Amino acid sequence: IGVLFGIRAARPLANEWLEGMRRFAVTAWSREVVRARDLKHLFDAGYSSNDAWRILAHIGEHRGVIPEVEGWPA
């Protein structure tokens, strides 16, 4: 349909758990500061704070800098 009408529809991952990680990783890669609400969305998807730090460390290894974290949600 997108080719026919030239409309690109968002194609989220089928698994909400993986979609949560994907969104967090894209945000962390493209921004200098990760907001508390971005972490909250990751935690709501079922990830732990250890998972968040591992994702940030992986991004830092490839990007050359680890984004700052605004604050951990309560």
N, C-alpha and C. Protein backbone atom coordinates (compact mmCIF):
# COMPACT_ATOMS: atom_id res chain seq x y z
N ILE A 1 0.84 -1.20 0.00
CA ILE A 1 0.00 0.00 0.00
C ILE A 1 0.87 1.25 0.00
N GLY A 2 1.99 1.23 0.75
CA GLY A 2 2.87 2.39 0.80
C GLY A 2 3.43 2.75 -0.55
N VAL A 3 3.75 1.75 -1.35
CA VAL A 3 4.30 2.01 -2.68
C VAL A 3 3.22 2.61 -3.57
N LEU A 4 2.02 2.12 -3.45
CA LEU A 4 0.92 2.58 -4.29
C LEU A 4 0.54 4.04 -3.99
N PHE A 5 0.43 4.38 -2.70
CA PHE A 5 -0.02 5.72 -2.32
C PHE A 5 1.09 6.64 -1.83
N GLY A 6 2.29 6.11 -1.67
CA GLY A 6 3.41 6.92 -1.19
C GLY A 6 3.33 7.25 0.29
N ILE A 7 2.60 6.47 1.06
CA ILE A 7 2.44 6.70 2.49
C ILE A 7 3.24 5.64 3.24
N ARG A 8 4.09 6.11 4.13
CA ARG A 8 4.86 5.17 4.94
C ARG A 8 4.20 5.05 6.30
N ALA A 9 3.78 3.87 6.65
CA ALA A 9 3.17 3.62 7.94
C ALA A 9 4.24 3.16 8.92
N ALA A 10 4.12 3.58 10.18
CA ALA A 10 5.05 3.11 11.21
C ALA A 10 4.87 1.61 11.37
N ARG A 11 5.98 0.93 11.46
CA ARG A 11 5.93 -0.52 11.60
C ARG A 11 6.63 -0.93 12.89
N PRO A 12 5.91 -0.86 14.01
CA PRO A 12 6.52 -1.24 15.29
C PRO A 12 6.79 -2.75 15.30
N LEU A 13 7.71 -3.13 16.16
CA LEU A 13 7.99 -4.55 16.31
C LEU A 13 6.76 -5.25 16.87
N ALA A 14 6.61 -6.51 16.54
CA ALA A 14 5.44 -7.27 16.97
C ALA A 14 5.44 -7.49 18.48
N ASN A 15 6.61 -7.52 19.09
CA ASN A 15 6.74 -7.77 20.51
C ASN A 15 6.91 -6.44 21.24
N GLU A 16 6.03 -6.14 22.17
CA GLU A 16 6.07 -4.86 22.88
C GLU A 16 7.34 -4.73 23.72
N TRP A 17 7.86 -5.84 24.21
CA TRP A 17 9.09 -5.84 25.00
C TRP A 17 10.27 -5.37 24.14
N LEU A 18 10.36 -5.90 22.92
CA LEU A 18 11.43 -5.49 22.01
C LEU A 18 11.23 -4.07 21.51
N GLU A 19 10.00 -3.67 21.31
CA GLU A 19 9.70 -2.31 20.87
C GLU A 19 10.15 -1.30 21.92
N GLY A 20 9.96 -1.63 23.19
CA GLY A 20 10.42 -0.75 24.27
C GLY A 20 11.92 -0.56 24.24
N MET A 21 12.65 -1.64 24.01
CA MET A 21 14.11 -1.54 23.93
C MET A 21 14.53 -0.76 22.69
N ARG A 22 13.88 -0.99 21.58
CA ARG A 22 14.23 -0.29 20.35
C ARG A 22 14.04 1.22 20.51
N ARG A 23 12.92 1.61 21.06
CA ARG A 23 12.66 3.04 21.24
C ARG A 23 13.67 3.69 22.17
N PHE A 24 14.00 2.99 23.26
CA PHE A 24 14.98 3.53 24.20
C PHE A 24 16.35 3.66 23.53
N ALA A 25 16.75 2.63 22.80
CA ALA A 25 18.06 2.64 22.15
C ALA A 25 18.15 3.76 21.11
N VAL A 26 17.10 3.96 20.33
CA VAL A 26 17.11 5.03 19.33
C VAL A 26 17.20 6.39 20.01
N THR A 27 16.46 6.57 21.08
CA THR A 27 16.50 7.83 21.83
C THR A 27 17.88 8.06 22.42
N ALA A 28 18.45 7.03 23.04
CA ALA A 28 19.77 7.17 23.66
C ALA A 28 20.85 7.42 22.62
N TRP A 29 20.71 6.84 21.45
CA TRP A 29 21.72 7.03 20.40
C TRP A 29 21.67 8.46 19.84
N SER A 30 20.48 9.00 19.71
CA SER A 30 20.33 10.27 19.01
C SER A 30 20.34 11.50 19.91
N ARG A 31 20.33 11.33 21.22
CA ARG A 31 20.29 12.48 22.12
C ARG A 31 21.49 12.49 23.05
N GLU A 32 21.80 13.66 23.56
CA GLU A 32 22.90 13.80 24.52
C GLU A 32 22.44 13.48 25.94
N VAL A 33 21.13 13.65 26.19
CA VAL A 33 20.57 13.41 27.52
C VAL A 33 19.36 12.49 27.39
N VAL A 34 19.35 11.44 28.19
CA VAL A 34 18.20 10.53 28.25
C VAL A 34 17.29 11.03 29.36
N ARG A 35 16.05 11.30 29.02
CA ARG A 35 15.10 11.83 30.00
C ARG A 35 14.55 10.73 30.91
N ALA A 36 14.06 11.14 32.06
CA ALA A 36 13.50 10.19 33.02
C ALA A 36 12.30 9.47 32.42
N ARG A 37 11.53 10.16 31.60
CA ARG A 37 10.35 9.51 31.02
C ARG A 37 10.75 8.42 30.01
N ASP A 38 11.90 8.60 29.35
CA ASP A 38 12.39 7.55 28.45
C ASP A 38 12.76 6.30 29.23
N LEU A 39 13.38 6.50 30.38
CA LEU A 39 13.70 5.36 31.26
C LEU A 39 12.43 4.71 31.78
N LYS A 40 11.44 5.53 32.14
CA LYS A 40 10.19 4.99 32.67
C LYS A 40 9.51 4.11 31.62
N HIS A 41 9.52 4.52 30.37
CA HIS A 41 8.93 3.71 29.30
C HIS A 41 9.67 2.38 29.17
N LEU A 42 10.99 2.43 29.30
CA LEU A 42 11.78 1.20 29.24
C LEU A 42 11.43 0.28 30.40
N PHE A 43 11.35 0.85 31.60
CA PHE A 43 11.00 0.05 32.78
C PHE A 43 9.58 -0.50 32.67
N ASP A 44 8.67 0.29 32.12
CA ASP A 44 7.29 -0.18 31.94
C ASP A 44 7.20 -1.34 30.95
N ALA A 45 8.17 -1.41 30.04
CA ALA A 45 8.20 -2.52 29.07
C ALA A 45 8.75 -3.79 29.69
N GLY A 46 9.25 -3.70 30.94
CA GLY A 46 9.72 -4.90 31.63
C GLY A 46 11.22 -4.99 31.82
N TYR A 47 11.93 -3.93 31.52
CA TYR A 47 13.38 -3.93 31.68
C TYR A 47 13.76 -3.38 33.05
N SER A 48 14.96 -3.73 33.50
CA SER A 48 15.46 -3.27 34.80
C SER A 48 16.44 -2.12 34.60
N SER A 49 16.85 -1.51 35.71
CA SER A 49 17.85 -0.45 35.61
C SER A 49 19.18 -1.01 35.13
N ASN A 50 19.49 -2.25 35.47
CA ASN A 50 20.70 -2.89 34.97
C ASN A 50 20.65 -3.02 33.44
N ASP A 51 19.48 -3.38 32.92
CA ASP A 51 19.31 -3.47 31.46
C ASP A 51 19.54 -2.11 30.81
N ALA A 52 19.01 -1.05 31.44
CA ALA A 52 19.17 0.30 30.89
C ALA A 52 20.65 0.67 30.82
N TRP A 53 21.38 0.40 31.89
CA TRP A 53 22.81 0.73 31.89
C TRP A 53 23.58 -0.08 30.87
N ARG A 54 23.19 -1.34 30.67
CA ARG A 54 23.87 -2.16 29.67
C ARG A 54 23.62 -1.62 28.26
N ILE A 55 22.41 -1.17 28.00
CA ILE A 55 22.09 -0.58 26.70
C ILE A 55 22.89 0.70 26.50
N LEU A 56 22.93 1.54 27.54
CA LEU A 56 23.69 2.79 27.45
C LEU A 56 25.18 2.54 27.26
N ALA A 57 25.72 1.53 27.95
CA ALA A 57 27.13 1.19 27.79
C ALA A 57 27.43 0.70 26.38
N HIS A 58 26.53 -0.09 25.84
CA HIS A 58 26.71 -0.59 24.48
C HIS A 58 26.70 0.56 23.48
N ILE A 59 25.78 1.48 23.66
CA ILE A 59 25.70 2.65 22.78
C ILE A 59 26.97 3.49 22.92
N GLY A 60 27.41 3.68 24.16
CA GLY A 60 28.63 4.45 24.38
C GLY A 60 29.85 3.82 23.74
N GLU A 61 29.91 2.50 23.74
CA GLU A 61 31.03 1.80 23.12
C GLU A 61 31.09 2.07 21.62
N HIS A 62 29.95 2.13 20.98
CA HIS A 62 29.91 2.31 19.53
C HIS A 62 29.84 3.78 19.11
N ARG A 63 29.25 4.60 19.94
CA ARG A 63 29.09 6.02 19.62
C ARG A 63 30.27 6.85 20.09
N GLY A 64 30.96 6.35 21.10
CA GLY A 64 32.10 7.07 21.64
C GLY A 64 31.79 7.90 22.87
N VAL A 65 30.52 8.03 23.20
CA VAL A 65 30.12 8.78 24.39
C VAL A 65 28.81 8.18 24.91
N ILE A 66 28.73 8.09 26.23
CA ILE A 66 27.50 7.60 26.86
C ILE A 66 26.61 8.81 27.14
N PRO A 67 25.36 8.78 26.72
CA PRO A 67 24.49 9.92 27.00
C PRO A 67 24.26 10.08 28.51
N GLU A 68 24.10 11.31 28.93
CA GLU A 68 23.80 11.58 30.34
C GLU A 68 22.36 11.14 30.62
N VAL A 69 22.11 10.80 31.88
CA VAL A 69 20.77 10.41 32.30
C VAL A 69 20.21 11.52 33.17
N GLU A 70 19.05 12.03 32.76
CA GLU A 70 18.41 13.14 33.47
C GLU A 70 18.11 12.77 34.92
N GLY A 71 17.59 11.59 35.12
CA GLY A 71 17.24 11.13 36.46
C GLY A 71 16.46 9.85 36.37
N TRP A 72 16.57 9.05 37.40
CA TRP A 72 15.84 7.78 37.41
C TRP A 72 14.45 8.02 37.94
N PRO A 73 13.43 7.46 37.30
CA PRO A 73 12.06 7.65 37.79
C PRO A 73 11.86 7.00 39.15
N ALA A 74 10.99 7.59 39.92
CA ALA A 74 10.73 7.06 41.27
C ALA A 74 9.83 5.84 41.21
